[in-house]
Amino acid sequence: MTQLTALHSLPEQFAVQLSDNMIISLEGEQADSYLHGQLTVNITALSDGIARHYAHCDNKGKTWSLGVVARHDKQLLMITNTSSGAHSLAQLNKYGVFSKVDIIDATPSYESFFVSSNVAEALLKTHFPHADFAALTSIPSSQKNLASYSAESGILYNSGLQENGVIAIVKSDVASALREQLVSLDITCFPHSVFSALQIKNVHATIDEASIAEYVPQMMNVHALEGIDFDKGCYMGQEVVARTRFLGKNKRAAFSLTLDGTVDIAPGASLEKQLGENWRIAGKVINSVALGQETWLLAVLNNDTTPSDLHRLADNTAVTCYPNALPYNIEQQASNIVKKRR
């Protein structure tokens, strides 16, 4: 598999093998109603042709996992990363015993790829002959309506990234055929670290062990990806998530930062912000990936942070950086709704 040293060196046509994906399957008579009461998005309104960003929270509104939810065959699939997905799976099974739903780790049944939009149809059409690749590969006007398509071979959905592409979650025999096609079409395939860097650049957060149950979804910009439906009714952590929205109490947000060269940074590492001649703790890193010539960080900082604010690593003060401009709007005004009290 080809290594990449910097995102600006990506070729026009490429693919990424997504080796850190975890796929949780929910199936059964009460799968919809059960998952509706667990995630931040409206599952009962989730159509077959749409994928949605979601957060899965504890009863205090702190996030267990972030990812995408979509329908495939008779299943609901939660697509997330391995470490946080394992935590969500355990929690889903803990409460799922009271509902008519089968919840399993379906990761062994599938393999996952990111495929750049300009080669998606050539690579995937054989296995998804009726898919609308124009919809799947167009830059979405709304992250709430990421086009998806389900077939016997697996499921496709729009990545929502500025580096336009399709996520393909396919069965093992299809994955073998795709790898052969990548070689025959001379399409470069990169490891998962490249996709992780693209997610960080686009500020699509995932969380690892150090950040599980640490942050309310809005602190990781889930609302900006339309991954919270504030009018859907009760779900785990709903009271805290809603109060954060309606009272305008959230003062944190996720930002990407870029460092030159390879820097080893563990999730949970602290960042400091320069204030005059002093430095103050500004937030923590939740993701990092080193590509060789550059290292990408995703950190939760004050939501009024600007690209001109100098930051440094608290435990390696020689390493400094500036936040990148956000690719979307994170502002949410406090609601005018006043809860009536008896």
C-alpha atoms as a PDB file:
ATOM      1  CA  MET A   1       0.000   0.000   0.000  1.00  0.00           C
ATOM      2  CA  THR A   2       1.360   3.413  -1.001  1.00  0.00           C
ATOM      3  CA  GLN A   3       2.385   5.881   1.712  1.00  0.00           C
ATOM      4  CA  LEU A   4       1.614   9.608   1.470  1.00  0.00           C
ATOM      5  CA  THR A   5       3.745  12.352   3.021  1.00  0.00           C
ATOM      6  CA  ALA A   6       1.321  15.315   2.693  1.00  0.00           C
ATOM      7  CA  LEU A   7      -2.313  15.810   1.679  1.00  0.00           C
ATOM      8  CA  HIS A   8      -1.408  18.301  -1.046  1.00  0.00           C
ATOM      9  CA  SER A   9       0.376  15.415  -2.807  1.00  0.00           C
ATOM     10  CA  LEU A  10      -2.807  13.382  -3.284  1.00  0.00           C
ATOM     11  CA  PRO A  11      -3.221  12.279  -6.909  1.00  0.00           C
ATOM     12  CA  GLU A  12      -6.336  13.153  -8.868  1.00  0.00           C
ATOM     13  CA  GLN A  13      -7.633   9.589  -8.632  1.00  0.00           C
ATOM     14  CA  PHE A  14      -7.100   7.510  -5.511  1.00  0.00           C
ATOM     15  CA  ALA A  15      -8.623   5.168  -2.966  1.00  0.00           C
ATOM     16  CA  VAL A  16      -8.088   4.490   0.731  1.00  0.00           C
ATOM     17  CA  GLN A  17      -8.522   1.150   2.511  1.00  0.00           C
ATOM     18  CA  LEU A  18     -10.409   1.994   5.712  1.00  0.00           C
ATOM     19  CA  SER A  19      -8.894  -0.463   8.174  1.00  0.00           C
ATOM     20  CA  ASP A  20     -10.055   1.329  11.359  1.00  0.00           C
ATOM     21  CA  ASN A  21     -13.770   1.288  10.577  1.00  0.00           C
ATOM     22  CA  MET A  22     -16.172  -0.507  12.899  1.00  0.00           C
ATOM     23  CA  ILE A  23     -19.655  -1.403  11.674  1.00  0.00           C
ATOM     24  CA  ILE A  24     -22.408  -2.040  14.210  1.00  0.00           C
ATOM     25  CA  SER A  25     -25.538  -3.719  12.878  1.00  0.00           C
ATOM     26  CA  LEU A  26     -28.986  -3.434  14.465  1.00  0.00           C
ATOM     27  CA  GLU A  27     -31.788  -5.568  13.125  1.00  0.00           C
ATOM     28  CA  GLY A  28     -35.176  -6.607  14.442  1.00  0.00           C
ATOM     29  CA  GLU A  29     -38.738  -5.530  15.065  1.00  0.00           C
ATOM     30  CA  GLN A  30     -37.759  -2.691  17.405  1.00  0.00           C
ATOM     31  CA  ALA A  31     -34.414  -1.719  15.853  1.00  0.00           C
ATOM     32  CA  ASP A  32     -35.690   1.676  14.695  1.00  0.00           C
ATOM     33  CA  SER A  33     -37.382   2.649  17.932  1.00  0.00           C
ATOM     34  CA  TYR A  34     -34.472   1.420  20.022  1.00  0.00           C
ATOM     35  CA  LEU A  35     -31.767   3.250  18.076  1.00  0.00           C
ATOM     36  CA  HIS A  36     -33.982   6.345  17.874  1.00  0.00           C
ATOM     37  CA  GLY A  37     -33.753   6.489  21.667  1.00  0.00           C
ATOM     38  CA  GLN A  38     -29.976   6.196  21.600  1.00  0.00           C
ATOM     39  CA  LEU A  39     -28.629   8.531  18.897  1.00  0.00           C
ATOM     40  CA  THR A  40     -28.855  12.287  18.386  1.00  0.00           C
ATOM     41  CA  VAL A  41     -30.605  11.976  14.997  1.00  0.00           C
ATOM     42  CA  ASN A  42     -34.135  10.967  14.032  1.00  0.00           C
ATOM     43  CA  ILE A  43     -33.878   7.302  13.066  1.00  0.00           C
ATOM     44  CA  THR A  44     -37.589   6.873  12.360  1.00  0.00           C
ATOM     45  CA  ALA A  45     -37.266   9.525   9.623  1.00  0.00           C
ATOM     46  CA  LEU A  46     -34.079   8.032   8.135  1.00  0.00           C
ATOM     47  CA  SER A  47     -34.829   7.027   4.543  1.00  0.00           C
ATOM     48  CA  ASP A  48     -33.101   4.327   2.511  1.00  0.00           C
ATOM     49  CA  GLY A  49     -31.252   6.861   0.367  1.00  0.00           C
ATOM     50  CA  ILE A  50     -29.765   8.989   3.149  1.00  0.00           C
ATOM     51  CA  ALA A  51     -26.814   8.653   5.529  1.00  0.00           C
ATOM     52  CA  ARG A  52     -26.555  10.891   8.604  1.00  0.00           C
ATOM     53  CA  HIS A  53     -23.812  11.971  10.987  1.00  0.00           C
ATOM     54  CA  TYR A  54     -24.663  11.016  14.569  1.00  0.00           C
ATOM     55  CA  ALA A  55     -23.436  11.122  18.158  1.00  0.00           C
ATOM     56  CA  HIS A  56     -24.064   8.386  20.723  1.00  0.00           C
ATOM     57  CA  CYS A  57     -24.006   9.781  24.258  1.00  0.00           C
ATOM     58  CA  ASP A  58     -24.271   8.702  27.873  1.00  0.00           C
ATOM     59  CA  ASN A  59     -27.053  10.024  30.106  1.00  0.00           C
ATOM     60  CA  LYS A  60     -24.913  13.077  30.949  1.00  0.00           C
ATOM     61  CA  GLY A  61     -24.674  14.060  27.284  1.00  0.00           C
ATOM     62  CA  LYS A  62     -21.005  13.049  26.979  1.00  0.00           C
ATOM     63  CA  THR A  63     -20.122  11.335  23.707  1.00  0.00           C
ATOM     64  CA  TRP A  64     -19.368   7.621  23.439  1.00  0.00           C
ATOM     65  CA  SER A  65     -18.926   7.568  19.659  1.00  0.00           C
ATOM     66  CA  LEU A  66     -19.308   9.649  16.504  1.00  0.00           C
ATOM     67  CA  GLY A  67     -19.978   8.339  13.032  1.00  0.00           C
ATOM     68  CA  VAL A  68     -22.510   7.846  10.266  1.00  0.00           C
ATOM     69  CA  VAL A  69     -25.764   5.873  10.388  1.00  0.00           C
ATOM     70  CA  ALA A  70     -27.511   4.432   7.331  1.00  0.00           C
ATOM     71  CA  ARG A  71     -29.837   1.646   6.250  1.00  0.00           C
ATOM     72  CA  HIS A  72     -28.635  -1.494   4.496  1.00  0.00           C
ATOM     73  CA  ASP A  73     -31.029  -4.288   3.631  1.00  0.00           C
ATOM     74  CA  LYS A  74     -33.041  -4.857   6.827  1.00  0.00           C
ATOM     75  CA  GLN A  75     -30.309  -3.474   9.058  1.00  0.00           C
ATOM     76  CA  LEU A  76     -29.375  -0.142  10.543  1.00  0.00           C
ATOM     77  CA  LEU A  77     -25.612   0.315  10.308  1.00  0.00           C
ATOM     78  CA  MET A  78     -23.566   2.568  12.566  1.00  0.00           C
ATOM     79  CA  ILE A  79     -20.192   3.245  10.917  1.00  0.00           C
ATOM     80  CA  THR A  80     -17.584   4.561  13.329  1.00  0.00           C
ATOM     81  CA  ASN A  81     -13.976   3.933  14.393  1.00  0.00           C
ATOM     82  CA  THR A  82     -12.820   0.839  16.257  1.00  0.00           C
ATOM     83  CA  SER A  83     -12.112   2.145  19.762  1.00  0.00           C
ATOM     84  CA  SER A  84     -15.222   4.265  20.271  1.00  0.00           C
ATOM     85  CA  GLY A  85     -17.354   1.774  18.362  1.00  0.00           C
ATOM     86  CA  ALA A  86     -16.444  -0.967  20.805  1.00  0.00           C
ATOM     87  CA  HIS A  87     -17.653   1.253  23.634  1.00  0.00           C
ATOM     88  CA  SER A  88     -20.936   2.051  21.859  1.00  0.00           C
ATOM     89  CA  LEU A  89     -21.495  -1.624  21.059  1.00  0.00           C
ATOM     90  CA  ALA A  90     -21.152  -2.576  24.714  1.00  0.00           C
ATOM     91  CA  GLN A  91     -23.558   0.164  25.791  1.00  0.00           C
ATOM     92  CA  LEU A  92     -26.098  -0.667  23.085  1.00  0.00           C
ATOM     93  CA  ASN A  93     -26.121  -4.313  24.112  1.00  0.00           C
ATOM     94  CA  LYS A  94     -26.414  -3.333  27.760  1.00  0.00           C
ATOM     95  CA  TYR A  95     -29.753  -1.615  27.182  1.00  0.00           C
ATOM     96  CA  GLY A  96     -30.838  -3.571  24.097  1.00  0.00           C
ATOM     97  CA  VAL A  97     -31.805  -6.645  26.133  1.00  0.00           C
ATOM     98  CA  PHE A  98     -35.115  -4.906  26.846  1.00  0.00           C
ATOM     99  CA  SER A  99     -35.968  -4.498  23.139  1.00  0.00           C
ATOM    100  CA  LYS A 100     -36.605  -6.837  20.212  1.00  0.00           C
ATOM    101  CA  VAL A 101     -33.348  -6.031  18.441  1.00  0.00           C
ATOM    102  CA  ASP A 102     -30.208  -7.948  17.514  1.00  0.00           C
ATOM    103  CA  ILE A 103     -27.050  -5.879  17.908  1.00  0.00           C
ATOM    104  CA  ILE A 104     -23.772  -7.256  16.578  1.00  0.00           C
ATOM    105  CA  ASP A 105     -20.320  -6.207  15.471  1.00  0.00           C
ATOM    106  CA  ALA A 106     -20.727  -6.699  11.708  1.00  0.00           C
ATOM    107  CA  THR A 107     -17.196  -5.504  10.881  1.00  0.00           C
ATOM    108  CA  PRO A 108     -15.942  -9.013   9.913  1.00  0.00           C
ATOM    109  CA  SER A 109     -18.643  -9.220   7.213  1.00  0.00           C
ATOM    110  CA  TYR A 110     -17.467  -6.115   5.351  1.00  0.00           C
ATOM    111  CA  GLU A 111     -14.456  -4.190   4.107  1.00  0.00           C
ATOM    112  CA  SER A 112     -14.466  -0.412   3.712  1.00  0.00           C
ATOM    113  CA  PHE A 113     -12.944   1.963   1.150  1.00  0.00           C
ATOM    114  CA  PHE A 114     -12.889   5.674   0.390  1.00  0.00           C
ATOM    115  CA  VAL A 115     -12.920   6.190  -3.388  1.00  0.00           C
ATOM    116  CA  SER A 116     -12.315   9.583  -5.003  1.00  0.00           C
ATOM    117  CA  SER A 117     -15.351  10.832  -6.906  1.00  0.00           C
ATOM    118  CA  ASN A 118     -13.708  10.939 -10.325  1.00  0.00           C
ATOM    119  CA  VAL A 119     -13.058   7.205 -10.331  1.00  0.00           C
ATOM    120  CA  ALA A 120     -15.973   5.975  -8.201  1.00  0.00           C
ATOM    121  CA  GLU A 121     -18.281   5.006 -11.057  1.00  0.00           C
ATOM    122  CA  ALA A 122     -15.560   3.177 -13.016  1.00  0.00           C
ATOM    123  CA  LEU A 123     -14.567   1.232  -9.911  1.00  0.00           C
ATOM    124  CA  LEU A 124     -17.959   0.537  -8.347  1.00  0.00           C
ATOM    125  CA  LYS A 125     -20.507   0.419 -11.206  1.00  0.00           C
ATOM    126  CA  THR A 126     -20.080  -3.338 -11.750  1.00  0.00           C
ATOM    127  CA  HIS A 127     -21.078  -4.065  -8.161  1.00  0.00           C
ATOM    128  CA  PHE A 128     -23.690  -1.292  -7.844  1.00  0.00           C
ATOM    129  CA  PRO A 129     -25.172  -1.097 -11.377  1.00  0.00           C
ATOM    130  CA  HIS A 130     -28.240   0.947 -10.411  1.00  0.00           C
ATOM    131  CA  ALA A 131     -26.528   3.478  -8.126  1.00  0.00           C
ATOM    132  CA  ASP A 132     -26.877   7.191  -8.899  1.00  0.00           C
ATOM    133  CA  PHE A 133     -23.204   8.120  -8.960  1.00  0.00           C
ATOM    134  CA  ALA A 134     -23.978  11.749  -9.805  1.00  0.00           C
ATOM    135  CA  ALA A 135     -25.713  12.085  -6.422  1.00  0.00           C
ATOM    136  CA  LEU A 136     -23.163   9.976  -4.571  1.00  0.00           C
ATOM    137  CA  THR A 137     -20.207  11.989  -5.850  1.00  0.00           C
ATOM    138  CA  SER A 138     -21.602  15.532  -5.767  1.00  0.00           C
ATOM    139  CA  ILE A 139     -20.556  17.879  -2.964  1.00  0.00           C
ATOM    140  CA  PRO A 140     -23.617  17.869  -0.675  1.00  0.00           C
ATOM    141  CA  SER A 141     -25.415  21.133   0.025  1.00  0.00           C
ATOM    142  CA  SER A 142     -26.326  19.690   3.422  1.00  0.00           C
ATOM    143  CA  GLN A 143     -24.538  17.167   5.624  1.00  0.00           C
ATOM    144  CA  LYS A 144     -28.024  16.132   6.759  1.00  0.00           C
ATOM    145  CA  ASN A 145     -28.693  14.534   3.392  1.00  0.00           C
ATOM    146  CA  LEU A 146     -25.634  12.519   2.455  1.00  0.00           C
ATOM    147  CA  ALA A 147     -26.747  10.405  -0.500  1.00  0.00           C
ATOM    148  CA  SER A 148     -26.496   6.659   0.059  1.00  0.00           C
ATOM    149  CA  TYR A 149     -27.268   3.542  -1.944  1.00  0.00           C
ATOM    150  CA  SER A 150     -27.739   0.000  -0.661  1.00  0.00           C
ATOM    151  CA  ALA A 151     -27.480  -3.207  -2.687  1.00  0.00           C
ATOM    152  CA  GLU A 152     -26.608  -6.864  -2.175  1.00  0.00           C
ATOM    153  CA  SER A 153     -22.914  -6.001  -2.583  1.00  0.00           C
ATOM    154  CA  GLY A 154     -22.956  -3.506   0.305  1.00  0.00           C
ATOM    155  CA  ILE A 155     -23.646   0.178   0.791  1.00  0.00           C
ATOM    156  CA  LEU A 156     -22.277   3.403  -0.699  1.00  0.00           C
ATOM    157  CA  TYR A 157     -22.618   6.896   0.739  1.00  0.00           C
ATOM    158  CA  ASN A 158     -21.254  10.364   0.081  1.00  0.00           C
ATOM    159  CA  SER A 159     -18.272  11.136   2.336  1.00  0.00           C
ATOM    160  CA  GLY A 160     -19.270  14.777   2.872  1.00  0.00           C
ATOM    161  CA  LEU A 161     -15.602  15.783   2.558  1.00  0.00           C
ATOM    162  CA  GLN A 162     -14.319  18.658   0.456  1.00  0.00           C
ATOM    163  CA  GLU A 163     -12.007  16.103  -1.160  1.00  0.00           C
ATOM    164  CA  ASN A 164     -15.069  14.624  -2.784  1.00  0.00           C
ATOM    165  CA  GLY A 165     -15.506  10.878  -2.625  1.00  0.00           C
ATOM    166  CA  VAL A 166     -17.636   7.861  -1.825  1.00  0.00           C
ATOM    167  CA  ILE A 167     -17.459   5.531   1.157  1.00  0.00           C
ATOM    168  CA  ALA A 168     -17.947   1.945  -0.024  1.00  0.00           C
ATOM    169  CA  ILE A 169     -18.734  -0.710   2.588  1.00  0.00           C
ATOM    170  CA  VAL A 170     -18.726  -3.988   0.713  1.00  0.00           C
ATOM    171  CA  LYS A 171     -18.755  -7.712   1.297  1.00  0.00           C
ATOM    172  CA  SER A 172     -15.472  -9.604   1.272  1.00  0.00           C
ATOM    173  CA  ASP A 173     -15.770 -11.047  -2.260  1.00  0.00           C
ATOM    174  CA  VAL A 174     -16.531  -7.579  -3.646  1.00  0.00           C
ATOM    175  CA  ALA A 175     -13.555  -6.141  -1.737  1.00  0.00           C
ATOM    176  CA  SER A 176     -11.237  -8.669  -3.386  1.00  0.00           C
ATOM    177  CA  ALA A 177     -12.543  -7.681  -6.804  1.00  0.00           C
ATOM    178  CA  LEU A 178     -12.112  -3.969  -5.983  1.00  0.00           C
ATOM    179  CA  ARG A 179      -8.470  -4.480  -5.050  1.00  0.00           C
ATOM    180  CA  GLU A 180      -7.870  -6.212  -8.373  1.00  0.00           C
ATOM    181  CA  GLN A 181      -9.605  -3.346 -10.196  1.00  0.00           C
ATOM    182  CA  LEU A 182      -7.461  -0.777  -8.373  1.00  0.00           C
ATOM    183  CA  VAL A 183      -4.382  -2.491  -9.771  1.00  0.00           C
ATOM    184  CA  SER A 184      -5.773  -2.904 -13.300  1.00  0.00           C
ATOM    185  CA  LEU A 185      -6.931   0.733 -13.437  1.00  0.00           C
ATOM    186  CA  ASP A 186      -3.628   1.937 -11.924  1.00  0.00           C
ATOM    187  CA  ILE A 187      -5.395   3.695  -9.055  1.00  0.00           C
ATOM    188  CA  THR A 188      -3.214   4.383  -6.026  1.00  0.00           C
ATOM    189  CA  CYS A 189      -4.530   2.946  -2.754  1.00  0.00           C
ATOM    190  CA  PHE A 190      -3.456   4.583   0.512  1.00  0.00           C
ATOM    191  CA  PRO A 191      -3.692   3.378   4.135  1.00  0.00           C
ATOM    192  CA  HIS A 192      -6.331   4.548   6.623  1.00  0.00           C
ATOM    193  CA  SER A 193      -4.076   7.325   7.960  1.00  0.00           C
ATOM    194  CA  VAL A 194      -4.752   9.353   4.803  1.00  0.00           C
ATOM    195  CA  PHE A 195      -8.508   9.227   5.386  1.00  0.00           C
ATOM    196  CA  SER A 196      -7.951  10.169   9.037  1.00  0.00           C
ATOM    197  CA  ALA A 197      -5.992  13.224   7.897  1.00  0.00           C
ATOM    198  CA  LEU A 198      -8.782  14.161   5.471  1.00  0.00           C
ATOM    199  CA  GLN A 199     -11.331  13.871   8.265  1.00  0.00           C
ATOM    200  CA  ILE A 200      -9.242  16.117  10.505  1.00  0.00           C
ATOM    201  CA  LYS A 201      -8.722  18.659   7.717  1.00  0.00           C
ATOM    202  CA  ASN A 202     -12.497  18.773   7.184  1.00  0.00           C
ATOM    203  CA  VAL A 203     -13.092  18.776  10.969  1.00  0.00           C
ATOM    204  CA  HIS A 204     -15.145  15.586  10.976  1.00  0.00           C
ATOM    205  CA  ALA A 205     -14.325  14.393  14.470  1.00  0.00           C
ATOM    206  CA  THR A 206     -13.839  10.847  15.674  1.00  0.00           C
ATOM    207  CA  ILE A 207     -12.864   9.996  19.224  1.00  0.00           C
ATOM    208  CA  ASP A 208     -10.405   7.528  20.666  1.00  0.00           C
ATOM    209  CA  GLU A 209     -10.208   5.936  24.099  1.00  0.00           C
ATOM    210  CA  ALA A 210      -8.777   9.036  25.801  1.00  0.00           C
ATOM    211  CA  SER A 211     -11.742  11.183  24.698  1.00  0.00           C
ATOM    212  CA  ILE A 212     -14.675   8.803  25.232  1.00  0.00           C
ATOM    213  CA  ALA A 213     -17.332  10.342  27.498  1.00  0.00           C
ATOM    214  CA  GLU A 214     -15.375  13.617  27.746  1.00  0.00           C
ATOM    215  CA  TYR A 215     -17.246  15.997  25.424  1.00  0.00           C
ATOM    216  CA  VAL A 216     -20.803  17.050  24.623  1.00  0.00           C
ATOM    217  CA  PRO A 217     -21.390  16.589  20.841  1.00  0.00           C
ATOM    218  CA  GLN A 218     -21.501  20.346  20.148  1.00  0.00           C
ATOM    219  CA  MET A 219     -17.930  20.628  21.460  1.00  0.00           C
ATOM    220  CA  MET A 220     -16.906  18.492  18.473  1.00  0.00           C
ATOM    221  CA  ASN A 221     -19.074  20.415  15.982  1.00  0.00           C
ATOM    222  CA  VAL A 222     -21.580  17.605  15.459  1.00  0.00           C
ATOM    223  CA  HIS A 223     -24.358  20.193  15.123  1.00  0.00           C
ATOM    224  CA  ALA A 224     -22.454  21.844  12.251  1.00  0.00           C
ATOM    225  CA  LEU A 225     -22.574  18.496  10.424  1.00  0.00           C
ATOM    226  CA  GLU A 226     -26.314  18.382  11.143  1.00  0.00           C
ATOM    227  CA  GLY A 227     -25.782  15.343  13.322  1.00  0.00           C
ATOM    228  CA  ILE A 228     -28.200  16.512  16.045  1.00  0.00           C
ATOM    229  CA  ASP A 229     -31.962  16.770  15.580  1.00  0.00           C
ATOM    230  CA  PHE A 230     -33.092  19.039  18.388  1.00  0.00           C
ATOM    231  CA  ASP A 231     -36.788  18.374  17.755  1.00  0.00           C
ATOM    232  CA  LYS A 232     -36.687  14.555  17.720  1.00  0.00           C
ATOM    233  CA  GLY A 233     -37.642  13.884  21.339  1.00  0.00           C
ATOM    234  CA  CYS A 234     -35.956  11.835  24.021  1.00  0.00           C
ATOM    235  CA  TYR A 235     -32.665   9.959  23.625  1.00  0.00           C
ATOM    236  CA  MET A 236     -29.675   9.223  25.824  1.00  0.00           C
ATOM    237  CA  GLY A 237     -28.171  12.540  26.971  1.00  0.00           C
ATOM    238  CA  GLN A 238     -30.891  14.588  25.268  1.00  0.00           C
ATOM    239  CA  GLU A 239     -31.506  16.894  28.229  1.00  0.00           C
ATOM    240  CA  VAL A 240     -27.874  18.029  28.418  1.00  0.00           C
ATOM    241  CA  VAL A 241     -27.446  18.298  24.631  1.00  0.00           C
ATOM    242  CA  ALA A 242     -30.644  20.334  24.319  1.00  0.00           C
ATOM    243  CA  ARG A 243     -29.808  22.571  27.270  1.00  0.00           C
ATOM    244  CA  THR A 244     -26.397  23.275  25.756  1.00  0.00           C
ATOM    245  CA  ARG A 245     -28.165  24.356  22.566  1.00  0.00           C
ATOM    246  CA  PHE A 246     -31.133  26.290  23.901  1.00  0.00           C
ATOM    247  CA  LEU A 247     -29.268  28.142  26.638  1.00  0.00           C
ATOM    248  CA  GLY A 248     -26.253  28.878  24.432  1.00  0.00           C
ATOM    249  CA  LYS A 249     -23.899  27.445  27.043  1.00  0.00           C
ATOM    250  CA  ASN A 250     -21.359  25.750  24.796  1.00  0.00           C
ATOM    251  CA  LYS A 251     -18.035  27.614  24.722  1.00  0.00           C
ATOM    252  CA  ARG A 252     -15.956  24.902  23.024  1.00  0.00           C
ATOM    253  CA  ALA A 253     -15.445  23.727  19.452  1.00  0.00           C
ATOM    254  CA  ALA A 254     -13.208  21.434  17.410  1.00  0.00           C
ATOM    255  CA  PHE A 255     -10.445  22.872  15.214  1.00  0.00           C
ATOM    256  CA  SER A 256      -7.831  21.338  12.950  1.00  0.00           C
ATOM    257  CA  LEU A 257      -4.154  22.319  13.178  1.00  0.00           C
ATOM    258  CA  THR A 258      -1.212  21.382  10.981  1.00  0.00           C
ATOM    259  CA  LEU A 259       2.412  20.851  12.013  1.00  0.00           C
ATOM    260  CA  ASP A 260       5.449  20.505   9.769  1.00  0.00           C
ATOM    261  CA  GLY A 261       7.108  17.105   9.839  1.00  0.00           C
ATOM    262  CA  THR A 262       6.280  14.098  11.977  1.00  0.00           C
ATOM    263  CA  VAL A 263       5.346  14.823  15.581  1.00  0.00           C
ATOM    264  CA  ASP A 264       4.216  12.073  17.949  1.00  0.00           C
ATOM    265  CA  ILE A 265       1.119  13.415  19.734  1.00  0.00           C
ATOM    266  CA  ALA A 266      -1.208  11.228  21.763  1.00  0.00           C
ATOM    267  CA  PRO A 267      -4.943  11.945  22.092  1.00  0.00           C
ATOM    268  CA  GLY A 268      -5.472  13.847  25.318  1.00  0.00           C
ATOM    269  CA  ALA A 269      -2.330  15.973  24.937  1.00  0.00           C
ATOM    270  CA  SER A 270      -2.835  19.569  26.095  1.00  0.00           C
ATOM    271  CA  LEU A 271      -2.465  22.673  23.934  1.00  0.00           C
ATOM    272  CA  GLU A 272      -1.600  26.112  25.263  1.00  0.00           C
ATOM    273  CA  LYS A 273      -2.591  29.451  23.718  1.00  0.00           C
ATOM    274  CA  GLN A 274      -0.411  32.548  23.757  1.00  0.00           C
ATOM    275  CA  LEU A 275      -1.953  35.500  25.609  1.00  0.00           C
ATOM    276  CA  GLY A 276       0.457  38.422  25.447  1.00  0.00           C
ATOM    277  CA  GLU A 277       3.680  37.219  27.046  1.00  0.00           C
ATOM    278  CA  ASN A 278       1.960  34.322  28.790  1.00  0.00           C
ATOM    279  CA  TRP A 279       0.600  30.924  27.800  1.00  0.00           C
ATOM    280  CA  ARG A 280      -2.621  29.404  29.107  1.00  0.00           C
ATOM    281  CA  ILE A 281      -4.133  25.941  28.705  1.00  0.00           C
ATOM    282  CA  ALA A 282      -6.481  26.147  25.709  1.00  0.00           C
ATOM    283  CA  GLY A 283      -7.739  22.601  25.165  1.00  0.00           C
ATOM    284  CA  LYS A 284      -6.872  19.019  24.321  1.00  0.00           C
ATOM    285  CA  VAL A 285      -6.048  16.992  21.232  1.00  0.00           C
ATOM    286  CA  ILE A 286      -8.677  14.367  20.356  1.00  0.00           C
ATOM    287  CA  ASN A 287      -7.098  13.044  17.118  1.00  0.00           C
ATOM    288  CA  SER A 288      -3.719  13.198  15.444  1.00  0.00           C
ATOM    289  CA  VAL A 289      -2.131  11.590  12.409  1.00  0.00           C
ATOM    290  CA  ALA A 290       1.397  11.949  11.008  1.00  0.00           C
ATOM    291  CA  LEU A 291       1.925  11.567   7.263  1.00  0.00           C
ATOM    292  CA  GLY A 292       5.664  12.220   7.088  1.00  0.00           C
ATOM    293  CA  GLN A 293       6.045  15.829   5.986  1.00  0.00           C
ATOM    294  CA  GLU A 294       3.086  17.003   8.080  1.00  0.00           C
ATOM    295  CA  THR A 295       1.097  16.100  11.177  1.00  0.00           C
ATOM    296  CA  TRP A 296      -2.611  16.838  11.483  1.00  0.00           C
ATOM    297  CA  LEU A 297      -4.304  17.524  14.832  1.00  0.00           C
ATOM    298  CA  LEU A 298      -7.917  17.855  15.854  1.00  0.00           C
ATOM    299  CA  ALA A 299      -8.349  19.670  19.163  1.00  0.00           C
ATOM    300  CA  VAL A 300     -11.230  20.966  21.262  1.00  0.00           C
ATOM    301  CA  LEU A 301     -10.530  24.648  21.986  1.00  0.00           C
ATOM    302  CA  ASN A 302     -12.488  27.785  22.892  1.00  0.00           C
ATOM    303  CA  ASN A 303     -15.111  28.380  20.213  1.00  0.00           C
ATOM    304  CA  ASP A 304     -13.890  31.952  19.648  1.00  0.00           C
ATOM    305  CA  THR A 305     -10.459  30.671  18.544  1.00  0.00           C
ATOM    306  CA  THR A 306      -9.180  32.270  15.332  1.00  0.00           C
ATOM    307  CA  PRO A 307      -6.488  31.292  12.790  1.00  0.00           C
ATOM    308  CA  SER A 308      -4.261  34.058  14.221  1.00  0.00           C
ATOM    309  CA  ASP A 309      -4.119  32.509  17.714  1.00  0.00           C
ATOM    310  CA  LEU A 310      -0.722  30.927  18.332  1.00  0.00           C
ATOM    311  CA  HIS A 311      -0.781  27.575  20.138  1.00  0.00           C
ATOM    312  CA  ARG A 312       1.870  25.154  21.364  1.00  0.00           C
ATOM    313  CA  LEU A 313       2.058  21.687  22.866  1.00  0.00           C
ATOM    314  CA  ALA A 314       2.076  21.908  26.656  1.00  0.00           C
ATOM    315  CA  ASP A 315       4.600  19.075  27.014  1.00  0.00           C
ATOM    316  CA  ASN A 316       6.757  20.127  24.035  1.00  0.00           C
ATOM    317  CA  THR A 317       6.727  23.919  23.978  1.00  0.00           C
ATOM    318  CA  ALA A 318       9.008  24.135  20.942  1.00  0.00           C
ATOM    319  CA  VAL A 319       6.148  22.839  18.780  1.00  0.00           C
ATOM    320  CA  THR A 320       3.870  25.730  17.801  1.00  0.00           C
ATOM    321  CA  CYS A 321       0.980  26.028  15.352  1.00  0.00           C
ATOM    322  CA  TYR A 322      -2.044  28.058  14.329  1.00  0.00           C
ATOM    323  CA  PRO A 323      -5.604  26.683  13.968  1.00  0.00           C
ATOM    324  CA  ASN A 324      -6.927  26.297  10.447  1.00  0.00           C
ATOM    325  CA  ALA A 325     -10.061  28.167   9.417  1.00  0.00           C
ATOM    326  CA  LEU A 326     -13.190  26.072   9.910  1.00  0.00           C
ATOM    327  CA  PRO A 327     -14.811  24.783   6.695  1.00  0.00           C
ATOM    328  CA  TYR A 328     -18.317  25.433   8.038  1.00  0.00           C
ATOM    329  CA  ASN A 329     -20.263  27.662  10.424  1.00  0.00           C
ATOM    330  CA  ILE A 330     -20.432  26.510  14.053  1.00  0.00           C
ATOM    331  CA  GLU A 331     -22.516  29.373  15.458  1.00  0.00           C
ATOM    332  CA  GLN A 332     -25.776  28.569  17.182  1.00  0.00           C
ATOM    333  CA  GLN A 333     -27.865  31.259  18.784  1.00  0.00           C
ATOM    334  CA  ALA A 334     -29.553  30.588  22.110  1.00  0.00           C
ATOM    335  CA  SER A 335     -33.193  29.636  21.658  1.00  0.00           C
ATOM    336  CA  ASN A 336     -36.002  32.066  22.425  1.00  0.00           C
ATOM    337  CA  ILE A 337     -38.014  29.155  23.782  1.00  0.00           C
ATOM    338  CA  VAL A 338     -38.635  29.459  27.506  1.00  0.00           C
ATOM    339  CA  LYS A 339     -39.632  26.330  29.327  1.00  0.00           C
ATOM    340  CA  LYS A 340     -42.840  26.848  31.268  1.00  0.00           C
ATOM    341  CA  ARG A 341     -42.622  25.967  34.924  1.00  0.00           C
ATOM    342  CA  ARG A 342     -45.533  25.037  37.104  1.00  0.00           C
END
